[in-house]
Amino acid sequence: MFDKNSKQARRQVEALFNDIQINLENNYKDLAIKARKDAELKLTELQENGELKDKDYRKLKVQLDDFTKRMEGYHH
C-alpha cells in the first residue's frame, strides 16, 4: 500500500511539473511562477506527510530545482 500511495503522490507532483512546462513553453511567466510555487508546496507537503519515498522525493526535487534555475529571471 505504501508503494501505491507513493506512486499517486509522485503523479500529483508530475502533473504540476507538466503545468510548469506548458506555461514555460507558452511564455506564460506569471502562470509558470504560480505553478512552480504550487509544485514546491505540494512536494514539501507530500514529503512531510511521508507519502513520498525518499528516492522519489530526491528525483522530483532535482526536477523542481531545474525548473527554478530555468526561471531565475522571472519576476512578478
N, C-alpha and C. Protein backbone atom coordinates (compact mmCIF):
# COMPACT_ATOMS: atom_id res chain seq x y z
N MET A 1 0.82 -1.19 0.00
CA MET A 1 0.00 0.00 0.00
C MET A 1 0.87 1.25 0.00
N PHE A 2 2.01 1.20 0.66
CA PHE A 2 2.91 2.34 0.68
C PHE A 2 3.35 2.71 -0.74
N ASP A 3 3.65 1.68 -1.55
CA ASP A 3 4.07 1.94 -2.92
C ASP A 3 2.97 2.62 -3.73
N LYS A 4 1.74 2.19 -3.50
CA LYS A 4 0.61 2.78 -4.22
C LYS A 4 0.46 4.25 -3.85
N ASN A 5 0.55 4.57 -2.57
CA ASN A 5 0.45 5.97 -2.14
C ASN A 5 1.59 6.80 -2.69
N SER A 6 2.78 6.23 -2.71
CA SER A 6 3.94 6.94 -3.23
C SER A 6 3.78 7.21 -4.73
N LYS A 7 3.25 6.24 -5.43
CA LYS A 7 3.04 6.40 -6.87
C LYS A 7 2.01 7.49 -7.15
N GLN A 8 0.93 7.51 -6.38
CA GLN A 8 -0.09 8.56 -6.55
C GLN A 8 0.48 9.93 -6.21
N ALA A 9 1.26 10.00 -5.16
CA ALA A 9 1.88 11.27 -4.76
C ALA A 9 2.83 11.76 -5.85
N ARG A 10 3.61 10.84 -6.40
CA ARG A 10 4.55 11.20 -7.46
C ARG A 10 3.80 11.72 -8.68
N ARG A 11 2.69 11.09 -9.00
CA ARG A 11 1.88 11.53 -10.15
C ARG A 11 1.31 12.93 -9.94
N GLN A 12 0.93 13.24 -8.70
CA GLN A 12 0.41 14.57 -8.40
C GLN A 12 1.47 15.64 -8.69
N VAL A 13 2.67 15.39 -8.24
CA VAL A 13 3.75 16.35 -8.44
C VAL A 13 4.11 16.43 -9.92
N GLU A 14 4.16 15.30 -10.59
CA GLU A 14 4.48 15.29 -12.02
C GLU A 14 3.44 16.05 -12.83
N ALA A 15 2.17 15.99 -12.43
CA ALA A 15 1.13 16.76 -13.11
C ALA A 15 1.38 18.26 -12.93
N LEU A 16 1.82 18.65 -11.74
CA LEU A 16 2.15 20.06 -11.51
C LEU A 16 3.37 20.47 -12.32
N PHE A 17 4.34 19.57 -12.45
CA PHE A 17 5.52 19.85 -13.28
C PHE A 17 5.09 20.03 -14.74
N ASN A 18 4.12 19.26 -15.17
CA ASN A 18 3.61 19.40 -16.53
C ASN A 18 3.01 20.78 -16.74
N ASP A 19 2.29 21.27 -15.73
CA ASP A 19 1.73 22.63 -15.81
C ASP A 19 2.84 23.67 -15.96
N ILE A 20 3.91 23.50 -15.20
CA ILE A 20 5.04 24.43 -15.31
C ILE A 20 5.58 24.40 -16.73
N GLN A 21 5.82 23.20 -17.24
CA GLN A 21 6.40 23.05 -18.58
C GLN A 21 5.53 23.70 -19.65
N ILE A 22 4.24 23.46 -19.58
CA ILE A 22 3.31 24.03 -20.57
C ILE A 22 3.35 25.56 -20.50
N ASN A 23 3.33 26.09 -19.29
CA ASN A 23 3.37 27.55 -19.14
C ASN A 23 4.68 28.14 -19.62
N LEU A 24 5.78 27.45 -19.39
CA LEU A 24 7.07 27.93 -19.89
C LEU A 24 7.10 27.91 -21.42
N GLU A 25 6.59 26.84 -22.00
CA GLU A 25 6.59 26.73 -23.46
C GLU A 25 5.74 27.82 -24.11
N ASN A 26 4.66 28.22 -23.43
CA ASN A 26 3.78 29.24 -23.97
C ASN A 26 4.14 30.64 -23.50
N ASN A 27 5.26 30.75 -22.79
CA ASN A 27 5.77 32.02 -22.30
C ASN A 27 4.80 32.73 -21.36
N TYR A 28 4.06 31.94 -20.58
CA TYR A 28 3.17 32.48 -19.57
C TYR A 28 3.94 32.53 -18.25
N LYS A 29 4.71 33.58 -18.09
CA LYS A 29 5.63 33.65 -16.96
C LYS A 29 4.92 33.67 -15.61
N ASP A 30 3.86 34.45 -15.48
CA ASP A 30 3.15 34.51 -14.20
C ASP A 30 2.55 33.17 -13.83
N LEU A 31 1.97 32.49 -14.82
CA LEU A 31 1.38 31.18 -14.56
C LEU A 31 2.46 30.14 -14.26
N ALA A 32 3.61 30.27 -14.92
CA ALA A 32 4.72 29.35 -14.64
C ALA A 32 5.23 29.54 -13.22
N ILE A 33 5.32 30.79 -12.78
CA ILE A 33 5.77 31.08 -11.42
C ILE A 33 4.79 30.48 -10.41
N LYS A 34 3.49 30.66 -10.66
CA LYS A 34 2.48 30.12 -9.75
C LYS A 34 2.53 28.59 -9.74
N ALA A 35 2.65 27.99 -10.90
CA ALA A 35 2.70 26.53 -11.00
C ALA A 35 3.93 25.98 -10.28
N ARG A 36 5.05 26.66 -10.39
CA ARG A 36 6.27 26.21 -9.70
C ARG A 36 6.08 26.29 -8.18
N LYS A 37 5.48 27.36 -7.72
CA LYS A 37 5.22 27.52 -6.29
C LYS A 37 4.26 26.43 -5.79
N ASP A 38 3.21 26.16 -6.57
CA ASP A 38 2.26 25.10 -6.21
C ASP A 38 2.96 23.74 -6.14
N ALA A 39 3.83 23.47 -7.10
CA ALA A 39 4.57 22.21 -7.12
C ALA A 39 5.50 22.11 -5.92
N GLU A 40 6.14 23.21 -5.59
CA GLU A 40 7.05 23.23 -4.44
C GLU A 40 6.29 22.93 -3.14
N LEU A 41 5.14 23.57 -2.99
CA LEU A 41 4.33 23.35 -1.79
C LEU A 41 3.83 21.91 -1.69
N LYS A 42 3.37 21.37 -2.82
CA LYS A 42 2.86 20.00 -2.84
C LYS A 42 3.97 19.00 -2.56
N LEU A 43 5.13 19.21 -3.15
CA LEU A 43 6.27 18.32 -2.94
C LEU A 43 6.67 18.33 -1.46
N THR A 44 6.72 19.49 -0.86
CA THR A 44 7.06 19.61 0.56
C THR A 44 6.00 18.94 1.43
N GLU A 45 4.75 19.18 1.10
CA GLU A 45 3.65 18.58 1.87
C GLU A 45 3.70 17.05 1.83
N LEU A 46 3.88 16.50 0.63
CA LEU A 46 3.92 15.05 0.48
C LEU A 46 5.13 14.44 1.19
N GLN A 47 6.25 15.14 1.16
CA GLN A 47 7.45 14.67 1.86
C GLN A 47 7.22 14.67 3.37
N GLU A 48 6.67 15.75 3.88
CA GLU A 48 6.45 15.87 5.31
C GLU A 48 5.43 14.85 5.83
N ASN A 49 4.45 14.51 4.99
CA ASN A 49 3.43 13.54 5.37
C ASN A 49 3.89 12.10 5.18
N GLY A 50 5.07 11.92 4.62
CA GLY A 50 5.60 10.58 4.40
C GLY A 50 4.95 9.85 3.24
N GLU A 51 4.31 10.59 2.35
CA GLU A 51 3.62 9.97 1.22
C GLU A 51 4.55 9.68 0.05
N LEU A 52 5.75 10.23 0.08
CA LEU A 52 6.73 10.00 -0.98
C LEU A 52 7.91 9.22 -0.42
N LYS A 53 8.40 8.30 -1.21
CA LYS A 53 9.65 7.62 -0.84
C LYS A 53 10.77 8.64 -0.97
N ASP A 54 11.83 8.45 -0.19
CA ASP A 54 12.96 9.38 -0.25
C ASP A 54 13.56 9.44 -1.64
N LYS A 55 13.65 8.31 -2.29
CA LYS A 55 14.20 8.24 -3.65
C LYS A 55 13.37 9.08 -4.61
N ASP A 56 12.04 8.96 -4.53
CA ASP A 56 11.15 9.75 -5.39
C ASP A 56 11.27 11.23 -5.06
N TYR A 57 11.33 11.55 -3.78
CA TYR A 57 11.45 12.95 -3.38
C TYR A 57 12.72 13.57 -3.96
N ARG A 58 13.83 12.86 -3.86
CA ARG A 58 15.10 13.41 -4.38
C ARG A 58 15.02 13.64 -5.88
N LYS A 59 14.45 12.70 -6.62
CA LYS A 59 14.32 12.86 -8.08
C LYS A 59 13.43 14.05 -8.42
N LEU A 60 12.31 14.15 -7.73
CA LEU A 60 11.38 15.25 -8.00
C LEU A 60 11.97 16.60 -7.58
N LYS A 61 12.73 16.60 -6.51
CA LYS A 61 13.37 17.83 -6.06
C LYS A 61 14.39 18.33 -7.08
N VAL A 62 15.12 17.41 -7.70
CA VAL A 62 16.07 17.78 -8.75
C VAL A 62 15.32 18.42 -9.93
N GLN A 63 14.20 17.83 -10.30
CA GLN A 63 13.40 18.39 -11.40
C GLN A 63 12.90 19.78 -11.03
N LEU A 64 12.42 19.94 -9.81
CA LEU A 64 11.94 21.25 -9.37
C LEU A 64 13.07 22.27 -9.38
N ASP A 65 14.24 21.86 -8.93
CA ASP A 65 15.40 22.75 -8.95
C ASP A 65 15.77 23.16 -10.37
N ASP A 66 15.62 22.24 -11.33
CA ASP A 66 15.88 22.57 -12.73
C ASP A 66 14.91 23.63 -13.24
N PHE A 67 13.63 23.47 -12.90
CA PHE A 67 12.65 24.48 -13.28
C PHE A 67 12.98 25.82 -12.64
N THR A 68 13.35 25.79 -11.38
CA THR A 68 13.69 27.01 -10.65
C THR A 68 14.86 27.72 -11.34
N LYS A 69 15.86 26.96 -11.72
CA LYS A 69 17.03 27.54 -12.39
C LYS A 69 16.65 28.15 -13.74
N ARG A 70 15.78 27.47 -14.48
CA ARG A 70 15.34 27.99 -15.78
C ARG A 70 14.56 29.29 -15.63
N MET A 71 13.93 29.47 -14.47
CA MET A 71 13.05 30.62 -14.26
C MET A 71 13.72 31.72 -13.45
N GLU A 72 15.04 31.70 -13.30
CA GLU A 72 15.73 32.67 -12.46
C GLU A 72 15.42 34.12 -12.80
N GLY A 73 15.24 34.45 -14.05
CA GLY A 73 15.00 35.82 -14.45
C GLY A 73 13.55 36.25 -14.38
N TYR A 74 12.67 35.35 -13.99
CA TYR A 74 11.24 35.67 -13.94
C TYR A 74 10.92 36.37 -12.62
N HIS A 75 10.21 37.49 -12.74
CA HIS A 75 9.79 38.23 -11.57
C HIS A 75 8.35 38.63 -11.73
N HIS A 76 7.68 38.77 -10.61
CA HIS A 76 6.29 39.24 -10.64
C HIS A 76 6.24 40.72 -10.86
